[in-house]
């Protein structure tokens, strides 16, 4: 087992990793930027070291500073959390070269799955269906037009190295395609340092469903069921739940079996998530794989009773999977609302000081956060400030519990998405489970237009 782990992240996920390490008896080293000098992950780690200025490129993305800190602190391993360097094959490679265990898959696996065009091709080769699209990244306008017209409009343009909804545009015509391609390429270059994009068929009323997987270094692999992530804005998830209302035990077993076979064939280890688009006929199409822990992992933890962060650490330390597929049982229903420091209508960021704070409790309620009263939400990072997660015996009970918890959540001083979450929860279509990836856009369209015209 590891003696000491460096947590190469911030906010609630850094705290979540520290919780797991404390329960395993592992010492932790927190790294922080100048903006996070007084953050809770700094306070609760055993050691804390500043690695640079507020800008993430000078701190949380500064690989030389992180590695030198790890070596000076004499750590055994680095946990990257999600975001920042968690899906950087180069960072994993540097860790491997420095003989520091990267708590995640190998650099080769990250590199394969990080290139979404290659990942689609590989998963298709080993038996997972993918949407029609380009076999590789698009290099010219002529190639883009030929691809789009071959598969039929609408199409979606995606950054090869993308994530978080950046570098993604939907096109319904040739003119729209060419302008959207340029925009997506520029956005991808700015966000990921790689302008390459690919094109695939766009499903108008698709669901976004993902499967959580776990594999050890001894050839064992399991799945932990699905999460429904169809409530999104600008391709970024806002509400997640488990299980999905469209799943049956038979369909879950069928897709889960194919997912496990796929990760075994690729030699993948540690935790990961395979994401699918699902059409109205319940046909699953592989979209991408996230080679890290997900923001929404708590909903899986609540319905399975499994600590995913703890298991990540155990697998990285060389242990065999602590669970067998037949041991995995799904209990009740879980929902997660991502509470962001944003205007709930325009989604513009709202950094600043939280003047009043109360997080709700009670049976079946969990709050993952690093925020508190007087906490200053910095403008330099993602706007996520809390994850409110609830569990109920049924979906209806979970929705009622979430609505109650949102009503009792006190967060003043910055704008946040709580009013939007309550609006969604009260929507009859959401209550019936009639959701899809464009659900929020159609729900908010009139309100956004009114705000923009004012």
Protein backbone atom coordinates (compact mmCIF):
# COMPACT_ATOMS: atom_id res chain seq x y z
CA UNK A 1 0.00 0.00 0.00
CA UNK A 2 1.11 3.58 -0.64
CA UNK A 3 2.57 5.59 2.23
CA UNK A 4 1.95 9.05 0.79
CA UNK A 5 -0.07 10.40 -2.16
CA UNK A 6 0.16 13.80 -3.83
CA UNK A 7 -3.27 15.17 -4.81
CA UNK A 8 -2.78 17.01 -8.10
CA UNK A 9 -6.07 18.89 -8.04
CA UNK A 10 -8.21 21.36 -6.10
CA UNK A 11 -11.76 21.90 -4.85
CA UNK A 12 -14.20 19.18 -3.92
CA UNK A 13 -12.41 16.36 -5.77
CA UNK A 14 -9.16 17.11 -3.91
CA UNK A 15 -11.05 16.85 -0.62
CA UNK A 16 -12.76 13.66 -1.77
CA UNK A 17 -9.38 12.05 -2.46
CA UNK A 18 -8.08 13.21 0.93
CA UNK A 19 -11.10 11.60 2.66
CA UNK A 20 -10.32 8.25 1.05
CA UNK A 21 -6.61 8.49 1.87
CA UNK A 22 -7.30 9.26 5.53
CA UNK A 23 -9.56 6.21 5.80
CA UNK A 24 -6.84 4.06 4.23
CA UNK A 25 -4.18 5.47 6.56
CA UNK A 26 -2.28 7.16 3.71
CA UNK A 27 -0.57 10.55 4.17
CA UNK A 28 -1.47 13.27 1.65
CA UNK A 29 0.32 16.20 0.03
CA UNK A 30 -1.88 18.99 -1.32
CA UNK A 31 -0.62 21.28 -4.06
CA UNK A 32 -2.22 24.69 -4.47
CA UNK A 33 -2.08 27.90 -6.44
CA UNK A 34 -1.90 31.36 -4.89
CA UNK A 35 -5.66 31.68 -5.37
CA UNK A 36 -6.23 28.55 -3.25
CA UNK A 37 -3.85 29.33 -0.38
CA UNK A 38 -6.72 29.20 2.14
CA UNK A 39 -8.67 26.35 0.49
CA UNK A 40 -9.96 23.40 2.51
CA UNK A 41 -7.88 20.80 0.67
CA UNK A 42 -4.81 22.75 1.82
CA UNK A 43 -6.06 22.75 5.39
CA UNK A 44 -6.90 19.05 5.63
CA UNK A 45 -3.94 17.50 3.82
CA UNK A 46 -0.94 16.38 5.88
CA UNK A 47 1.33 18.64 3.85
CA UNK A 48 0.59 21.49 1.45
CA UNK A 49 2.89 23.15 -1.05
CA UNK A 50 2.27 26.12 -3.35
CA UNK A 51 3.12 25.28 -6.97
CA UNK A 52 2.50 28.61 -8.69
CA UNK A 53 0.31 31.63 -9.41
CA UNK A 54 -3.47 31.56 -9.78
CA UNK A 55 -3.49 30.83 -13.50
CA UNK A 56 -3.94 27.07 -13.97
CA UNK A 57 -1.27 26.87 -16.68
CA UNK A 58 1.23 28.15 -14.11
CA UNK A 59 0.07 25.88 -11.29
CA UNK A 60 -2.32 22.91 -11.63
CA UNK A 61 -1.16 22.28 -15.22
CA UNK A 62 2.52 22.92 -14.46
CA UNK A 63 3.97 19.41 -14.77
CA UNK A 64 7.60 20.26 -13.79
CA UNK A 65 6.40 21.97 -10.60
CA UNK A 66 4.10 19.08 -9.67
CA UNK A 67 6.71 16.39 -10.32
CA UNK A 68 9.45 18.25 -8.43
CA UNK A 69 7.02 18.71 -5.51
CA UNK A 70 6.22 15.00 -5.59
CA UNK A 71 9.90 14.08 -5.54
CA UNK A 72 10.76 16.53 -2.77
CA UNK A 73 7.80 15.24 -0.72
CA UNK A 74 8.86 11.62 -1.32
CA UNK A 75 5.40 10.47 -2.39
CA UNK A 76 4.63 7.03 -3.80
CA UNK A 77 1.78 8.08 -6.08
CA UNK A 78 -0.13 10.98 -7.61
CA UNK A 79 -3.92 11.13 -7.86
CA UNK A 80 -4.97 13.56 -10.63
CA UNK A 81 -8.72 13.66 -9.83
CA UNK A 82 -10.70 14.92 -12.84
CA UNK A 83 -9.92 17.79 -15.19
CA UNK A 84 -6.49 19.44 -15.30
CA UNK A 85 -3.90 16.67 -15.91
CA UNK A 86 -6.14 13.67 -15.29
CA UNK A 87 -6.29 12.71 -18.97
CA UNK A 88 -2.81 13.85 -19.96
CA UNK A 89 -0.90 10.91 -21.41
CA UNK A 90 2.28 12.97 -21.19
CA UNK A 91 1.79 13.60 -17.46
CA UNK A 92 1.15 9.88 -16.84
CA UNK A 93 4.29 9.12 -18.85
CA UNK A 94 6.37 11.56 -16.79
CA UNK A 95 5.04 9.96 -13.59
CA UNK A 96 6.02 6.53 -14.90
CA UNK A 97 9.51 7.77 -15.84
CA UNK A 98 9.88 9.32 -12.38
CA UNK A 99 8.84 6.03 -10.74
CA UNK A 100 5.80 7.67 -9.19
CA UNK A 101 2.58 5.69 -9.57
CA UNK A 102 -0.07 7.52 -11.58
CA UNK A 103 -3.45 6.61 -10.06
CA UNK A 104 -5.23 5.88 -13.29
CA UNK A 105 -4.65 3.91 -16.48
CA UNK A 106 -1.36 3.66 -18.37
CA UNK A 107 -0.13 6.51 -20.55
CA UNK A 108 -0.75 4.28 -23.60
CA UNK A 109 -4.41 3.79 -22.67
CA UNK A 110 -4.90 7.51 -22.05
CA UNK A 111 -3.27 8.34 -25.37
CA UNK A 112 -5.49 5.88 -27.25
CA UNK A 113 -8.75 6.99 -25.64
CA UNK A 114 -7.76 10.66 -25.56
CA UNK A 115 -7.82 10.75 -29.35
CA UNK A 116 -11.57 10.40 -29.81
CA UNK A 117 -11.35 9.54 -33.50
CA UNK A 118 -8.88 6.71 -32.76
CA UNK A 119 -10.95 5.57 -29.78
CA UNK A 120 -14.09 5.33 -31.94
CA UNK A 121 -12.19 3.31 -34.50
CA UNK A 122 -10.71 0.98 -31.89
CA UNK A 123 -14.00 0.38 -30.10
CA UNK A 124 -15.74 -0.27 -33.41
CA UNK A 125 -12.99 -2.77 -34.28
CA UNK A 126 -13.54 -4.72 -31.07
CA UNK A 127 -17.31 -4.81 -31.33
CA UNK A 128 -18.95 -1.67 -29.90
CA UNK A 129 -21.25 0.14 -32.37
CA UNK A 130 -20.35 3.75 -33.20
CA UNK A 131 -22.26 6.47 -35.00
CA UNK A 132 -21.47 6.99 -38.69
CA UNK A 133 -18.72 9.57 -39.04
CA UNK A 134 -15.21 10.38 -40.19
CA UNK A 135 -12.62 7.67 -39.69
CA UNK A 136 -10.05 10.25 -38.67
CA UNK A 137 -9.74 13.98 -38.03
CA UNK A 138 -10.94 16.37 -40.75
CA UNK A 139 -8.21 18.34 -42.56
CA UNK A 140 -9.99 20.28 -45.33
CA UNK A 141 -13.37 21.88 -46.08
CA UNK A 142 -13.78 19.49 -49.01
CA UNK A 143 -13.26 16.50 -46.72
CA UNK A 144 -15.74 17.92 -44.19
CA UNK A 145 -18.42 18.44 -46.87
CA UNK A 146 -17.93 14.96 -48.32
CA UNK A 147 -18.17 13.34 -44.87
CA UNK A 148 -21.26 15.31 -43.81
CA UNK A 149 -23.11 14.66 -47.06
CA UNK A 150 -22.24 10.97 -46.96
CA UNK A 151 -23.75 10.47 -43.49
CA UNK A 152 -26.48 13.12 -43.82
CA UNK A 153 -27.28 16.27 -41.84
CA UNK A 154 -27.45 17.15 -39.01
CA UNK A 155 -23.88 16.34 -37.98
CA UNK A 156 -21.82 17.21 -34.94
CA UNK A 157 -18.22 18.43 -35.06
CA UNK A 158 -16.08 17.36 -32.10
CA UNK A 159 -12.54 18.10 -31.00
CA UNK A 160 -10.34 15.02 -31.22
CA UNK A 161 -8.79 15.91 -27.85
CA UNK A 162 -11.97 17.44 -26.49
CA UNK A 163 -13.88 17.41 -23.26
CA UNK A 164 -16.29 19.52 -21.22
CA UNK A 165 -18.31 20.49 -24.28
CA UNK A 166 -15.54 22.59 -25.82
CA UNK A 167 -14.75 22.24 -29.51
CA UNK A 168 -18.24 20.93 -30.30
CA UNK A 169 -20.70 22.36 -32.83
CA UNK A 170 -23.86 21.03 -34.52
CA UNK A 171 -24.39 21.77 -38.22
CA UNK A 172 -27.63 21.36 -40.20
CA UNK A 173 -26.35 22.50 -43.61
CA UNK A 174 -23.21 22.94 -45.72
CA UNK A 175 -22.87 26.65 -44.90
CA UNK A 176 -23.37 25.97 -41.22
CA UNK A 177 -20.86 23.12 -41.41
CA UNK A 178 -17.96 25.20 -42.71
CA UNK A 179 -18.43 28.07 -40.25
CA UNK A 180 -18.97 25.65 -37.35
CA UNK A 181 -15.86 23.68 -38.29
CA UNK A 182 -13.69 26.79 -38.13
CA UNK A 183 -15.20 27.78 -34.79
CA UNK A 184 -14.75 24.29 -33.33
CA UNK A 185 -11.14 24.08 -34.54
CA UNK A 186 -10.28 27.46 -33.04
CA UNK A 187 -11.95 26.55 -29.75
CA UNK A 188 -10.17 23.17 -29.66
CA UNK A 189 -6.80 24.81 -30.34
CA UNK A 190 -7.38 27.30 -27.52
CA UNK A 191 -8.70 24.78 -24.98
CA UNK A 192 -6.53 21.73 -25.74
CA UNK A 193 -3.65 22.96 -27.87
CA UNK A 194 -4.88 20.68 -30.68
CA UNK A 195 -7.24 22.03 -33.39
CA UNK A 196 -8.06 18.63 -34.94
CA UNK A 197 -11.77 17.78 -35.14
CA UNK A 198 -13.84 14.89 -36.46
CA UNK A 199 -17.46 14.63 -37.62
CA UNK A 200 -20.21 12.19 -36.72
CA UNK A 201 -23.96 11.85 -37.20
CA UNK A 202 -26.02 13.94 -34.77
CA UNK A 203 -29.04 12.30 -33.14
CA UNK A 204 -31.71 14.95 -32.50
CA UNK A 205 -33.31 13.43 -29.38
CA UNK A 206 -30.44 11.36 -28.05
CA UNK A 207 -29.90 10.29 -24.49
CA UNK A 208 -26.41 10.44 -23.00
CA UNK A 209 -25.79 7.28 -20.97
CA UNK A 210 -22.45 6.17 -19.58
CA UNK A 211 -21.18 2.94 -18.03
CA UNK A 212 -18.79 2.94 -15.08
CA UNK A 213 -16.04 0.33 -15.38
CA UNK A 214 -13.26 -0.89 -13.13
CA UNK A 215 -10.31 -3.13 -14.00
CA UNK A 216 -7.24 -4.29 -12.10
CA UNK A 217 -3.72 -5.12 -13.27
CA UNK A 218 -4.42 -8.87 -13.09
CA UNK A 219 -6.90 -9.09 -15.98
CA UNK A 220 -10.12 -8.71 -13.97
CA UNK A 221 -12.80 -6.21 -14.98
CA UNK A 222 -16.36 -5.35 -13.99
CA UNK A 223 -18.99 -2.70 -14.70
CA UNK A 224 -21.00 -0.83 -12.07
CA UNK A 225 -24.03 -0.02 -14.15
CA UNK A 226 -25.04 3.13 -15.96
CA UNK A 227 -25.60 6.81 -15.29
CA UNK A 228 -28.08 8.96 -17.19
CA UNK A 229 -26.42 12.28 -18.10
CA UNK A 230 -28.88 13.72 -20.61
CA UNK A 231 -29.59 16.97 -18.74
CA UNK A 232 -26.84 19.21 -20.13
CA UNK A 233 -26.19 22.77 -21.17
CA UNK A 234 -23.66 23.53 -23.88
CA UNK A 235 -22.66 19.84 -23.87
CA UNK A 236 -21.77 20.02 -20.17
CA UNK A 237 -23.65 17.83 -17.71
CA UNK A 238 -25.86 19.49 -15.13
CA UNK A 239 -27.91 16.67 -13.57
CA UNK A 240 -26.95 12.99 -13.47
CA UNK A 241 -28.83 9.99 -12.16
CA UNK A 242 -28.59 6.25 -11.72
CA UNK A 243 -30.16 4.08 -12.93
CA UNK A 244 -31.54 5.34 -16.25
CA UNK A 245 -35.30 5.06 -16.63
CA UNK A 246 -34.92 3.34 -20.02
CA UNK A 247 -32.77 0.49 -18.72
CA UNK A 248 -34.01 -2.98 -17.91
CA UNK A 249 -31.90 -5.55 -16.05
CA UNK A 250 -31.55 -7.46 -19.33
CA UNK A 251 -30.39 -4.43 -21.33
CA UNK A 252 -27.97 -3.42 -18.55
CA UNK A 253 -26.48 -6.92 -18.48
CA UNK A 254 -26.16 -6.97 -22.29
CA UNK A 255 -24.47 -3.56 -22.64
CA UNK A 256 -22.43 -4.07 -19.48
CA UNK A 257 -21.06 -7.37 -20.76
CA UNK A 258 -19.99 -5.77 -24.05
CA UNK A 259 -18.38 -2.87 -22.19
CA UNK A 260 -16.37 -5.21 -19.94
CA UNK A 261 -15.22 -7.25 -22.92
CA UNK A 262 -14.11 -4.05 -24.67
CA UNK A 263 -11.94 -2.79 -21.81
CA UNK A 264 -10.41 -6.23 -21.35
CA UNK A 265 -9.42 -6.30 -25.01
CA UNK A 266 -7.76 -2.89 -24.75
CA UNK A 267 -5.89 -3.87 -21.56
CA UNK A 268 -7.35 -0.93 -19.67
CA UNK A 269 -6.80 -0.69 -15.89
CA UNK A 270 -8.21 1.39 -12.99
CA UNK A 271 -11.60 3.13 -13.27
CA UNK A 272 -13.06 4.64 -16.40
CA UNK A 273 -16.29 5.54 -18.09
CA UNK A 274 -17.58 4.60 -21.54
CA UNK A 275 -20.04 7.16 -22.84
CA UNK A 276 -22.84 6.36 -25.29
CA UNK A 277 -25.48 8.18 -27.25
CA UNK A 278 -28.76 6.26 -27.23
CA UNK A 279 -31.48 6.80 -29.83
CA UNK A 280 -35.22 6.50 -29.36
CA UNK A 281 -35.07 2.80 -30.27
CA UNK A 282 -32.62 2.21 -27.38
CA UNK A 283 -29.72 1.59 -29.74
CA UNK A 284 -26.39 2.34 -28.02
CA UNK A 285 -23.57 4.06 -29.93
CA UNK A 286 -20.11 4.45 -28.38
CA UNK A 287 -19.10 8.10 -28.19
CA UNK A 288 -15.94 8.34 -26.08
CA UNK A 289 -14.16 7.01 -23.01
CA UNK A 290 -13.10 9.09 -20.04
CA UNK A 291 -9.94 7.63 -18.52
CA UNK A 292 -10.44 9.09 -15.05
CA UNK A 293 -12.88 9.41 -12.20
CA UNK A 294 -16.00 11.33 -13.26
CA UNK A 295 -17.53 14.37 -11.59
CA UNK A 296 -20.75 12.35 -11.27
CA UNK A 297 -19.21 9.26 -9.68
CA UNK A 298 -21.18 9.75 -6.39
CA UNK A 299 -24.46 8.58 -7.95
CA UNK A 300 -22.84 5.23 -8.71
CA UNK A 301 -21.42 5.10 -5.19
CA UNK A 302 -24.88 5.64 -3.69
CA UNK A 303 -26.66 2.96 -5.72
CA UNK A 304 -23.87 0.36 -5.37
CA UNK A 305 -22.40 1.18 -1.95
CA UNK A 306 -18.89 1.12 -3.47
CA UNK A 307 -16.21 3.75 -2.76
CA UNK A 308 -14.75 4.40 -6.21
CA UNK A 309 -11.89 6.63 -5.05
CA UNK A 310 -10.79 4.06 -2.48
CA UNK A 311 -10.87 1.33 -5.13
CA UNK A 312 -8.87 3.50 -7.53
CA UNK A 313 -6.11 3.69 -4.96
CA UNK A 314 -6.21 -0.02 -4.13
CA UNK A 315 -6.03 -1.01 -7.81
CA UNK A 316 -3.13 1.39 -8.45
CA UNK A 317 -1.32 -0.18 -5.47
CA UNK A 318 -1.53 -3.56 -7.23
CA UNK A 319 -4.48 -5.11 -5.41
CA UNK A 320 -6.96 -7.33 -7.20
CA UNK A 321 -10.50 -6.03 -7.72
CA UNK A 322 -12.29 -6.12 -4.37
CA UNK A 323 -15.59 -6.98 -6.11
CA UNK A 324 -16.91 -9.60 -8.52
CA UNK A 325 -19.55 -8.81 -11.12
CA UNK A 326 -22.07 -11.06 -9.40
CA UNK A 327 -21.56 -9.11 -6.15
CA UNK A 328 -22.66 -5.80 -7.68
CA UNK A 329 -26.21 -4.93 -6.66
CA UNK A 330 -28.13 -1.77 -7.52
CA UNK A 331 -30.22 -0.28 -4.75
CA UNK A 332 -32.73 2.53 -5.17
CA UNK A 333 -32.17 5.69 -7.20
CA UNK A 334 -29.61 8.50 -6.95
CA UNK A 335 -29.54 12.02 -8.40
CA UNK A 336 -26.74 14.58 -8.55
CA UNK A 337 -27.14 18.31 -9.18
CA UNK A 338 -24.01 20.24 -10.10
CA UNK A 339 -24.28 23.60 -8.37
CA UNK A 340 -22.24 26.09 -10.33
CA UNK A 341 -21.42 29.73 -9.63
CA UNK A 342 -23.26 30.87 -12.75
CA UNK A 343 -26.25 32.91 -13.77
CA UNK A 344 -29.01 30.27 -14.00
CA UNK A 345 -30.40 31.73 -17.26
CA UNK A 346 -27.38 32.95 -19.25
CA UNK A 347 -24.85 30.55 -17.64
CA UNK A 348 -22.30 33.34 -17.35
CA UNK A 349 -19.77 32.70 -14.53
CA UNK A 350 -20.42 34.46 -11.22
CA UNK A 351 -17.20 34.48 -9.17
CA UNK A 352 -17.03 36.32 -5.85
CA UNK A 353 -17.45 35.88 -2.10
CA UNK A 354 -20.09 33.55 -0.65
CA UNK A 355 -21.68 35.67 2.08
CA UNK A 356 -24.06 33.06 3.48
CA UNK A 357 -23.91 29.26 3.31
CA UNK A 358 -25.92 26.35 4.61
CA UNK A 359 -25.74 22.88 3.09
CA UNK A 360 -28.76 20.62 3.65
CA UNK A 361 -28.67 17.25 5.39
CA UNK A 362 -31.04 14.50 6.43
CA UNK A 363 -31.43 10.88 5.31
CA UNK A 364 -30.08 10.16 1.85
CA UNK A 365 -28.46 13.57 1.30
CA UNK A 366 -24.77 14.09 0.50
CA UNK A 367 -22.95 17.33 -0.34
CA UNK A 368 -19.50 17.20 -1.94
CA UNK A 369 -17.95 20.66 -1.79
CA UNK A 370 -14.95 22.71 -0.77
CA UNK A 371 -17.02 25.89 -0.35
CA UNK A 372 -18.24 27.58 2.84
CA UNK A 373 -19.36 30.97 4.14
CA UNK A 374 -16.76 33.66 3.30
CA UNK A 375 -15.23 31.39 0.65
CA UNK A 376 -14.20 33.33 -2.44
CA UNK A 377 -15.08 31.60 -5.71
CA UNK A 378 -12.06 32.40 -7.91
CA UNK A 379 -12.51 33.40 -11.55
CA UNK A 380 -9.60 31.25 -12.71
CA UNK A 381 -11.16 27.76 -12.63
CA UNK A 382 -14.30 25.75 -13.35
CA UNK A 383 -17.46 27.26 -11.84
CA UNK A 384 -18.49 24.07 -9.97
CA UNK A 385 -18.80 24.88 -6.25
CA UNK A 386 -20.84 21.96 -4.92
CA UNK A 387 -22.41 18.64 -5.86
CA UNK A 388 -25.69 17.87 -4.16
CA UNK A 389 -26.38 14.14 -4.28
CA UNK A 390 -29.44 12.33 -2.95
CA UNK A 391 -30.56 8.72 -2.72
CA UNK A 392 -34.09 7.37 -2.48
CA UNK A 393 -35.81 4.01 -2.74
CA UNK A 394 -37.45 5.13 -6.01
CA UNK A 395 -36.83 7.85 -8.61
CA UNK A 396 -39.90 9.78 -7.41
CA UNK A 397 -38.60 9.73 -3.83
CA UNK A 398 -35.15 10.84 -4.98
CA UNK A 399 -36.65 13.75 -6.95
CA UNK A 400 -38.73 14.88 -3.95
CA UNK A 401 -35.68 14.60 -1.70
CA UNK A 402 -33.54 16.57 -4.12
CA UNK A 403 -36.18 19.30 -4.42
CA UNK A 404 -36.36 19.57 -0.62
CA UNK A 405 -32.58 19.71 -0.32
CA UNK A 406 -32.27 22.38 -3.04
CA UNK A 407 -34.95 24.46 -1.31
CA UNK A 408 -32.99 24.31 1.96
CA UNK A 409 -29.59 25.00 0.37
CA UNK A 410 -28.52 28.52 1.34
CA UNK A 411 -25.94 30.04 -1.02
CA UNK A 412 -25.77 33.83 -1.14
CA UNK A 413 -23.25 36.32 -2.49
CA UNK A 414 -22.88 34.74 -5.94
CA UNK A 415 -25.41 33.65 -8.52
CA UNK A 416 -25.87 29.90 -8.79
CA UNK A 417 -27.79 27.24 -10.66
CA UNK A 418 -30.10 26.14 -7.83
CA UNK A 419 -33.18 27.90 -9.33
CA UNK A 420 -32.52 26.16 -12.66
CA UNK A 421 -32.26 22.76 -10.98
CA UNK A 422 -35.60 23.27 -9.27
CA UNK A 423 -37.20 24.37 -12.53
CA UNK A 424 -36.00 21.15 -14.17
CA UNK A 425 -37.16 18.96 -11.27
CA UNK A 426 -40.66 20.47 -11.46
CA UNK A 427 -40.94 19.91 -15.21
CA UNK A 428 -43.53 17.18 -16.01
CA UNK A 429 -41.42 15.70 -18.81
CA UNK A 430 -38.42 15.37 -16.50
CA UNK A 431 -40.60 13.74 -13.86
CA UNK A 432 -41.70 11.16 -16.41
CA UNK A 433 -38.11 10.57 -17.51
CA UNK A 434 -38.73 11.96 -21.02
CA UNK A 435 -35.33 13.61 -21.31
CA UNK A 436 -32.66 14.03 -23.99
CA UNK A 437 -29.47 16.05 -24.49
CA UNK A 438 -31.25 19.14 -25.90
CA UNK A 439 -33.89 19.10 -23.13
CA UNK A 440 -32.51 22.12 -21.29
CA UNK A 441 -32.06 24.21 -24.44
CA UNK A 442 -35.71 23.71 -25.37
CA UNK A 443 -36.80 24.40 -21.78
CA UNK A 444 -34.81 27.63 -21.48
CA UNK A 445 -34.90 28.97 -25.03
CA UNK A 446 -37.67 31.58 -24.50
CA UNK A 447 -36.13 32.83 -21.22
CA UNK A 448 -32.64 33.17 -22.70
CA UNK A 449 -33.99 35.06 -25.71
CA UNK A 450 -35.87 37.46 -23.42
CA UNK A 451 -32.74 38.12 -21.33
CA UNK A 452 -30.62 38.73 -24.44
CA UNK A 453 -33.18 41.20 -25.85
CA UNK A 454 -33.49 43.13 -22.57
